Amino acid sequence: MTMETLGGDAAAATAGLADGRASVRLRAAMAVGTEPDPRFVGKLVERCAVEPEFFVRDMLTWALTRHPVDLTLPELLREVRSERVQARSQALHTLSKIGDRSAWPAITPALLADPEDEVARSAWRAAVLLVPEGEEAGLAAVLATQLGRGDRETQLSLSRALIALGELIVPVLRTAAAATDPGVRTHALATERLLHDPDTGFEFAIEEAKRVRVLE
């Protein structure tokens, strides 16, 4: 099945996106993105919710970014309310790649605190890219409620999101650094260290924050 066939035949492209072979699905997504067609938007979004391979999902997202925003945005905004974890996560990821700030109202506090780490991480990344000018401090306050959450990967994702907002995060970090929860305090201290010294590794910042806590 060639890219030309996939791009020129909606039925073949649809079948390719659902093929059992990841290489065929990848090729189909690439073809659809190369020759954008409104008929494929719904299928691309649907496939994002169930596609098991990361590299294919990334191509699906790229294909969606190649289509008009007025077609993709409504589909993606519906997906962020889906009951399926991957549907929410991938829709948020795609919104961050599209970068249209009209999607900002969909990034709710509930999504930023989603119980699924995969969804929350995607929401944090999308939020710092889509937040309107003047609302960064409010976003920082919401993100700070998630300090201390999850494993190291999740904590690093949150630190990166906060740091992307810049110096305005310092007050919320210092408030969190006085929290009763030691995990919250450690994460807040480590994030502030990374803000001021980006070359510091996250693990080193965490260990240093623990030492600071012991000396308090």
C-alpha atoms as a PDB file:
ATOM      1  CA  MET A   1       0.000   0.000   0.000  1.00  0.00           C
ATOM      2  CA  THR A   2       1.717   3.193  -1.126  1.00  0.00           C
ATOM      3  CA  MET A   3       1.438   6.649   0.403  1.00  0.00           C
ATOM      4  CA  GLU A   4      -0.193   7.821  -2.811  1.00  0.00           C
ATOM      5  CA  THR A   5      -2.889   5.177  -2.466  1.00  0.00           C
ATOM      6  CA  LEU A   6      -3.467   6.024   1.171  1.00  0.00           C
ATOM      7  CA  GLY A   7      -3.584   9.744   0.533  1.00  0.00           C
ATOM      8  CA  GLY A   8      -5.934   9.485  -2.428  1.00  0.00           C
ATOM      9  CA  ASP A   9      -8.431   6.928  -1.152  1.00  0.00           C
ATOM     10  CA  ALA A  10     -10.321   7.640   2.066  1.00  0.00           C
ATOM     11  CA  ALA A  11     -11.361   4.016   2.527  1.00  0.00           C
ATOM     12  CA  ALA A  12      -7.778   2.790   2.113  1.00  0.00           C
ATOM     13  CA  ALA A  13      -6.483   5.432   4.517  1.00  0.00           C
ATOM     14  CA  THR A  14      -9.108   4.553   7.105  1.00  0.00           C
ATOM     15  CA  ALA A  15      -8.210   0.870   6.808  1.00  0.00           C
ATOM     16  CA  GLY A  16      -4.516   1.721   7.040  1.00  0.00           C
ATOM     17  CA  LEU A  17      -5.007   3.632  10.288  1.00  0.00           C
ATOM     18  CA  ALA A  18      -6.581   0.533  11.841  1.00  0.00           C
ATOM     19  CA  ASP A  19      -4.209  -2.044  10.316  1.00  0.00           C
ATOM     20  CA  GLY A  20      -2.691  -4.602  12.664  1.00  0.00           C
ATOM     21  CA  ARG A  21       0.819  -3.610  11.593  1.00  0.00           C
ATOM     22  CA  ALA A  22       2.307  -0.521  13.231  1.00  0.00           C
ATOM     23  CA  SER A  23       4.362   0.257  10.121  1.00  0.00           C
ATOM     24  CA  VAL A  24       1.191   0.449   8.001  1.00  0.00           C
ATOM     25  CA  ARG A  25      -0.570   2.635  10.566  1.00  0.00           C
ATOM     26  CA  LEU A  26       2.452   4.930  10.647  1.00  0.00           C
ATOM     27  CA  ARG A  27       2.487   5.193   6.865  1.00  0.00           C
ATOM     28  CA  ALA A  28      -1.239   5.889   6.779  1.00  0.00           C
ATOM     29  CA  ALA A  29      -0.956   8.683   9.350  1.00  0.00           C
ATOM     30  CA  MET A  30       1.967  10.175   7.427  1.00  0.00           C
ATOM     31  CA  ALA A  31       0.001  10.078   4.184  1.00  0.00           C
ATOM     32  CA  VAL A  32      -3.040  11.712   5.750  1.00  0.00           C
ATOM     33  CA  GLY A  33      -0.875  14.479   7.165  1.00  0.00           C
ATOM     34  CA  THR A  34       0.923  14.949   3.867  1.00  0.00           C
ATOM     35  CA  GLU A  35      -2.362  15.416   2.005  1.00  0.00           C
ATOM     36  CA  PRO A  36      -4.772  16.837   4.607  1.00  0.00           C
ATOM     37  CA  ASP A  37      -8.426  16.006   4.054  1.00  0.00           C
ATOM     38  CA  PRO A  38     -11.319  16.941   6.394  1.00  0.00           C
ATOM     39  CA  ARG A  39     -12.703  13.398   6.045  1.00  0.00           C
ATOM     40  CA  PHE A  40      -9.831  12.074   8.153  1.00  0.00           C
ATOM     41  CA  VAL A  41     -10.010  14.379  11.182  1.00  0.00           C
ATOM     42  CA  GLY A  42     -12.499  12.266  13.137  1.00  0.00           C
ATOM     43  CA  LYS A  43     -10.647   9.053  12.310  1.00  0.00           C
ATOM     44  CA  LEU A  44      -7.318  10.513  13.406  1.00  0.00           C
ATOM     45  CA  VAL A  45      -8.769  11.630  16.726  1.00  0.00           C
ATOM     46  CA  GLU A  46     -10.452   8.259  17.262  1.00  0.00           C
ATOM     47  CA  ARG A  47      -7.209   6.445  16.524  1.00  0.00           C
ATOM     48  CA  CYS A  48      -5.261   8.616  18.965  1.00  0.00           C
ATOM     49  CA  ALA A  49      -7.444   7.265  21.766  1.00  0.00           C
ATOM     50  CA  VAL A  50      -6.522   3.626  21.144  1.00  0.00           C
ATOM     51  CA  GLU A  51      -3.187   3.580  19.285  1.00  0.00           C
ATOM     52  CA  PRO A  52      -0.714   1.514  21.371  1.00  0.00           C
ATOM     53  CA  GLU A  53       2.538   2.658  19.730  1.00  0.00           C
ATOM     54  CA  PHE A  54       4.045   5.981  20.826  1.00  0.00           C
ATOM     55  CA  PHE A  55       5.691   6.732  17.481  1.00  0.00           C
ATOM     56  CA  VAL A  56       2.392   6.164  15.639  1.00  0.00           C
ATOM     57  CA  ARG A  57       0.532   8.390  18.107  1.00  0.00           C
ATOM     58  CA  ASP A  58       3.103  11.091  17.471  1.00  0.00           C
ATOM     59  CA  MET A  59       2.474  10.824  13.728  1.00  0.00           C
ATOM     60  CA  LEU A  60      -1.285  10.966  14.313  1.00  0.00           C
ATOM     61  CA  THR A  61      -0.796  14.182  16.271  1.00  0.00           C
ATOM     62  CA  TRP A  62       1.363  15.603  13.488  1.00  0.00           C
ATOM     63  CA  ALA A  63      -1.319  14.720  10.943  1.00  0.00           C
ATOM     64  CA  LEU A  64      -3.939  16.528  13.016  1.00  0.00           C
ATOM     65  CA  THR A  65      -1.774  19.661  13.211  1.00  0.00           C
ATOM     66  CA  ARG A  66      -1.787  19.701   9.406  1.00  0.00           C
ATOM     67  CA  HIS A  67      -5.574  20.128   9.291  1.00  0.00           C
ATOM     68  CA  PRO A  68      -7.506  23.373   9.849  1.00  0.00           C
ATOM     69  CA  VAL A  69      -7.909  24.291  13.506  1.00  0.00           C
ATOM     70  CA  ASP A  70     -11.637  24.920  13.109  1.00  0.00           C
ATOM     71  CA  LEU A  71     -12.001  21.217  12.258  1.00  0.00           C
ATOM     72  CA  THR A  72      -9.610  19.683  14.762  1.00  0.00           C
ATOM     73  CA  LEU A  73     -10.331  21.811  17.816  1.00  0.00           C
ATOM     74  CA  PRO A  74     -13.975  20.772  18.404  1.00  0.00           C
ATOM     75  CA  GLU A  75     -13.028  17.081  18.123  1.00  0.00           C
ATOM     76  CA  LEU A  76     -10.114  17.434  20.534  1.00  0.00           C
ATOM     77  CA  LEU A  77     -12.099  19.455  23.048  1.00  0.00           C
ATOM     78  CA  ARG A  78     -14.638  16.648  23.198  1.00  0.00           C
ATOM     79  CA  GLU A  79     -11.847  14.130  23.756  1.00  0.00           C
ATOM     80  CA  VAL A  80     -10.411  15.900  26.796  1.00  0.00           C
ATOM     81  CA  ARG A  81     -13.703  15.024  28.536  1.00  0.00           C
ATOM     82  CA  SER A  82     -13.503  11.360  27.534  1.00  0.00           C
ATOM     83  CA  GLU A  83     -13.611   8.588  30.114  1.00  0.00           C
ATOM     84  CA  ARG A  84     -10.649   6.949  28.368  1.00  0.00           C
ATOM     85  CA  VAL A  85      -7.281   7.894  29.836  1.00  0.00           C
ATOM     86  CA  GLN A  86      -5.364   7.790  26.562  1.00  0.00           C
ATOM     87  CA  ALA A  87      -8.043   9.802  24.787  1.00  0.00           C
ATOM     88  CA  ARG A  88      -7.722  12.623  27.324  1.00  0.00           C
ATOM     89  CA  SER A  89      -3.946  12.501  27.405  1.00  0.00           C
ATOM     90  CA  GLN A  90      -3.427  12.427  23.653  1.00  0.00           C
ATOM     91  CA  ALA A  91      -6.014  15.139  23.011  1.00  0.00           C
ATOM     92  CA  LEU A  92      -4.224  17.410  25.478  1.00  0.00           C
ATOM     93  CA  HIS A  93      -0.893  16.588  23.876  1.00  0.00           C
ATOM     94  CA  THR A  94      -2.271  17.456  20.443  1.00  0.00           C
ATOM     95  CA  LEU A  95      -3.781  20.712  21.714  1.00  0.00           C
ATOM     96  CA  SER A  96      -0.347  21.688  23.017  1.00  0.00           C
ATOM     97  CA  LYS A  97       1.145  21.014  19.584  1.00  0.00           C
ATOM     98  CA  ILE A  98      -1.546  23.021  17.795  1.00  0.00           C
ATOM     99  CA  GLY A  99      -1.017  25.883  20.245  1.00  0.00           C
ATOM    100  CA  ASP A 100      -4.353  27.638  19.710  1.00  0.00           C
ATOM    101  CA  ARG A 101      -5.099  29.582  22.894  1.00  0.00           C
ATOM    102  CA  SER A 102      -8.846  29.424  22.298  1.00  0.00           C
ATOM    103  CA  ALA A 103      -8.533  25.909  23.772  1.00  0.00           C
ATOM    104  CA  TRP A 104      -7.482  27.339  27.150  1.00  0.00           C
ATOM    105  CA  PRO A 105     -10.943  27.085  28.824  1.00  0.00           C
ATOM    106  CA  ALA A 106     -10.787  23.297  28.334  1.00  0.00           C
ATOM    107  CA  ILE A 107      -7.718  23.075  30.600  1.00  0.00           C
ATOM    108  CA  THR A 108      -9.722  22.876  33.790  1.00  0.00           C
ATOM    109  CA  PRO A 109      -8.447  22.487  37.364  1.00  0.00           C
ATOM    110  CA  ALA A 110      -9.934  18.984  37.260  1.00  0.00           C
ATOM    111  CA  LEU A 111      -7.692  18.051  34.328  1.00  0.00           C
ATOM    112  CA  LEU A 112      -4.660  19.626  35.986  1.00  0.00           C
ATOM    113  CA  ALA A 113      -5.366  17.396  38.978  1.00  0.00           C
ATOM    114  CA  ASP A 114      -6.494  14.367  36.960  1.00  0.00           C
ATOM    115  CA  PRO A 115      -5.986  11.176  39.003  1.00  0.00           C
ATOM    116  CA  GLU A 116      -4.166   9.599  36.058  1.00  0.00           C
ATOM    117  CA  ASP A 117      -0.560  10.833  35.967  1.00  0.00           C
ATOM    118  CA  GLU A 118      -0.392  10.464  32.183  1.00  0.00           C
ATOM    119  CA  VAL A 119      -3.328  12.843  31.748  1.00  0.00           C
ATOM    120  CA  ALA A 120      -2.129  15.297  34.380  1.00  0.00           C
ATOM    121  CA  ARG A 121       1.331  15.529  32.783  1.00  0.00           C
ATOM    122  CA  SER A 122      -0.224  16.261  29.385  1.00  0.00           C
ATOM    123  CA  ALA A 123      -2.508  18.857  30.964  1.00  0.00           C
ATOM    124  CA  TRP A 124       0.433  20.587  32.670  1.00  0.00           C
ATOM    125  CA  ARG A 125       2.375  20.818  29.412  1.00  0.00           C
ATOM    126  CA  ALA A 126      -0.654  22.094  27.507  1.00  0.00           C
ATOM    127  CA  ALA A 127      -1.529  24.603  30.215  1.00  0.00           C
ATOM    128  CA  VAL A 128       1.803  26.424  30.234  1.00  0.00           C
ATOM    129  CA  LEU A 129       1.681  26.723  26.445  1.00  0.00           C
ATOM    130  CA  LEU A 130      -1.932  27.874  26.195  1.00  0.00           C
ATOM    131  CA  VAL A 131      -2.313  30.065  29.294  1.00  0.00           C
ATOM    132  CA  PRO A 132      -3.416  33.600  28.326  1.00  0.00           C
ATOM    133  CA  GLU A 133      -1.236  36.551  29.249  1.00  0.00           C
ATOM    134  CA  GLY A 134      -2.053  37.694  32.761  1.00  0.00           C
ATOM    135  CA  GLU A 135      -3.325  34.330  34.010  1.00  0.00           C
ATOM    136  CA  GLU A 136       0.056  32.729  34.643  1.00  0.00           C
ATOM    137  CA  ALA A 137       0.021  33.366  38.398  1.00  0.00           C
ATOM    138  CA  GLY A 138      -3.355  31.681  38.759  1.00  0.00           C
ATOM    139  CA  LEU A 139      -2.091  28.692  36.811  1.00  0.00           C
ATOM    140  CA  ALA A 140       1.032  28.510  38.984  1.00  0.00           C
ATOM    141  CA  ALA A 141      -1.175  28.387  42.093  1.00  0.00           C
ATOM    142  CA  VAL A 142      -3.187  25.481  40.683  1.00  0.00           C
ATOM    143  CA  LEU A 143      -0.080  23.604  39.560  1.00  0.00           C
ATOM    144  CA  ALA A 144       1.491  24.052  42.991  1.00  0.00           C
ATOM    145  CA  THR A 145      -1.343  21.997  44.496  1.00  0.00           C
ATOM    146  CA  GLN A 146       0.177  18.997  42.702  1.00  0.00           C
ATOM    147  CA  LEU A 147       3.645  19.310  44.235  1.00  0.00           C
ATOM    148  CA  GLY A 148       4.824  16.082  45.826  1.00  0.00           C
ATOM    149  CA  ARG A 149       2.639  13.975  43.585  1.00  0.00           C
ATOM    150  CA  GLY A 150       3.686  10.770  41.873  1.00  0.00           C
ATOM    151  CA  ASP A 151       7.014   9.263  40.865  1.00  0.00           C
ATOM    152  CA  ARG A 152      10.153  11.095  39.784  1.00  0.00           C
ATOM    153  CA  GLU A 153       9.027  11.335  36.150  1.00  0.00           C
ATOM    154  CA  THR A 154       5.742  12.914  37.178  1.00  0.00           C
ATOM    155  CA  GLN A 155       7.441  15.303  39.582  1.00  0.00           C
ATOM    156  CA  LEU A 156       9.974  16.348  36.962  1.00  0.00           C
ATOM    157  CA  SER A 157       7.141  17.037  34.498  1.00  0.00           C
ATOM    158  CA  LEU A 158       5.463  19.294  37.032  1.00  0.00           C
ATOM    159  CA  SER A 159       8.706  21.087  37.858  1.00  0.00           C
ATOM    160  CA  ARG A 160       9.317  21.752  34.168  1.00  0.00           C
ATOM    161  CA  ALA A 161       5.797  23.093  33.725  1.00  0.00           C
ATOM    162  CA  LEU A 162       6.163  25.423  36.698  1.00  0.00           C
ATOM    163  CA  ILE A 163       9.611  26.602  35.619  1.00  0.00           C
ATOM    164  CA  ALA A 164       8.229  27.445  32.165  1.00  0.00           C
ATOM    165  CA  LEU A 165       6.104  30.107  33.888  1.00  0.00           C
ATOM    166  CA  GLY A 166       9.216  31.889  35.165  1.00  0.00           C
ATOM    167  CA  GLU A 167       9.988  33.830  38.336  1.00  0.00           C
ATOM    168  CA  LEU A 168       6.344  34.365  39.213  1.00  0.00           C
ATOM    169  CA  ILE A 169       6.287  30.824  40.613  1.00  0.00           C
ATOM    170  CA  VAL A 170       8.620  31.718  43.482  1.00  0.00           C
ATOM    171  CA  PRO A 171       5.895  32.850  45.939  1.00  0.00           C
ATOM    172  CA  VAL A 172       3.841  29.671  45.485  1.00  0.00           C
ATOM    173  CA  LEU A 173       6.962  27.516  45.790  1.00  0.00           C
ATOM    174  CA  ARG A 174       7.953  29.210  49.032  1.00  0.00           C
ATOM    175  CA  THR A 175       4.463  28.724  50.419  1.00  0.00           C
ATOM    176  CA  ALA A 176       4.638  25.042  49.455  1.00  0.00           C
ATOM    177  CA  ALA A 177       8.092  24.783  51.018  1.00  0.00           C
ATOM    178  CA  ALA A 178       6.437  25.497  54.362  1.00  0.00           C
ATOM    179  CA  ALA A 179       3.816  22.747  53.952  1.00  0.00           C
ATOM    180  CA  THR A 180       3.420  20.012  56.545  1.00  0.00           C
ATOM    181  CA  ASP A 181       3.859  17.278  53.920  1.00  0.00           C
ATOM    182  CA  PRO A 182       7.600  16.544  53.559  1.00  0.00           C
ATOM    183  CA  GLY A 183       7.132  15.376  49.969  1.00  0.00           C
ATOM    184  CA  VAL A 184       5.548  18.690  49.016  1.00  0.00           C
ATOM    185  CA  ARG A 185       8.298  20.652  50.750  1.00  0.00           C
ATOM    186  CA  THR A 186      11.048  18.653  49.045  1.00  0.00           C
ATOM    187  CA  HIS A 187       9.498  19.028  45.599  1.00  0.00           C
ATOM    188  CA  ALA A 188       8.967  22.764  46.053  1.00  0.00           C
ATOM    189  CA  LEU A 189      12.560  23.330  47.194  1.00  0.00           C
ATOM    190  CA  ALA A 190      13.930  21.234  44.340  1.00  0.00           C
ATOM    191  CA  THR A 191      11.825  23.111  41.782  1.00  0.00           C
ATOM    192  CA  GLU A 192      13.054  26.484  43.026  1.00  0.00           C
ATOM    193  CA  ARG A 193      16.641  25.235  42.850  1.00  0.00           C
ATOM    194  CA  LEU A 194      16.081  24.150  39.234  1.00  0.00           C
ATOM    195  CA  LEU A 195      14.476  27.503  38.402  1.00  0.00           C
ATOM    196  CA  HIS A 196      17.584  29.374  39.515  1.00  0.00           C
ATOM    197  CA  ASP A 197      20.128  26.775  38.395  1.00  0.00           C
ATOM    198  CA  PRO A 198      18.787  24.945  35.298  1.00  0.00           C
ATOM    199  CA  ASP A 199      21.982  22.905  34.974  1.00  0.00           C
ATOM    200  CA  THR A 200      21.276  21.169  38.276  1.00  0.00           C
ATOM    201  CA  GLY A 201      20.005  17.640  37.716  1.00  0.00           C
ATOM    202  CA  PHE A 202      16.580  16.877  39.139  1.00  0.00           C
ATOM    203  CA  GLU A 203      17.817  14.047  41.346  1.00  0.00           C
ATOM    204  CA  PHE A 204      20.561  16.253  42.757  1.00  0.00           C
ATOM    205  CA  ALA A 205      18.013  19.019  43.424  1.00  0.00           C
ATOM    206  CA  ILE A 206      15.748  16.546  45.223  1.00  0.00           C
ATOM    207  CA  GLU A 207      18.571  15.194  47.391  1.00  0.00           C
ATOM    208  CA  GLU A 208      19.745  18.707  48.223  1.00  0.00           C
ATOM    209  CA  ALA A 209      16.178  19.680  49.145  1.00  0.00           C
ATOM    210  CA  LYS A 210      15.990  16.696  51.480  1.00  0.00           C
ATOM    211  CA  ARG A 211      19.199  17.843  53.195  1.00  0.00           C
ATOM    212  CA  VAL A 212      17.763  21.331  53.591  1.00  0.00           C
ATOM    213  CA  ARG A 213      14.637  19.842  55.166  1.00  0.00           C
ATOM    214  CA  VAL A 214      16.677  17.888  57.677  1.00  0.00           C
ATOM    215  CA  LEU A 215      18.486  21.058  58.743  1.00  0.00           C
ATOM    216  CA  GLU A 216      15.278  23.052  59.211  1.00  0.00           C
END
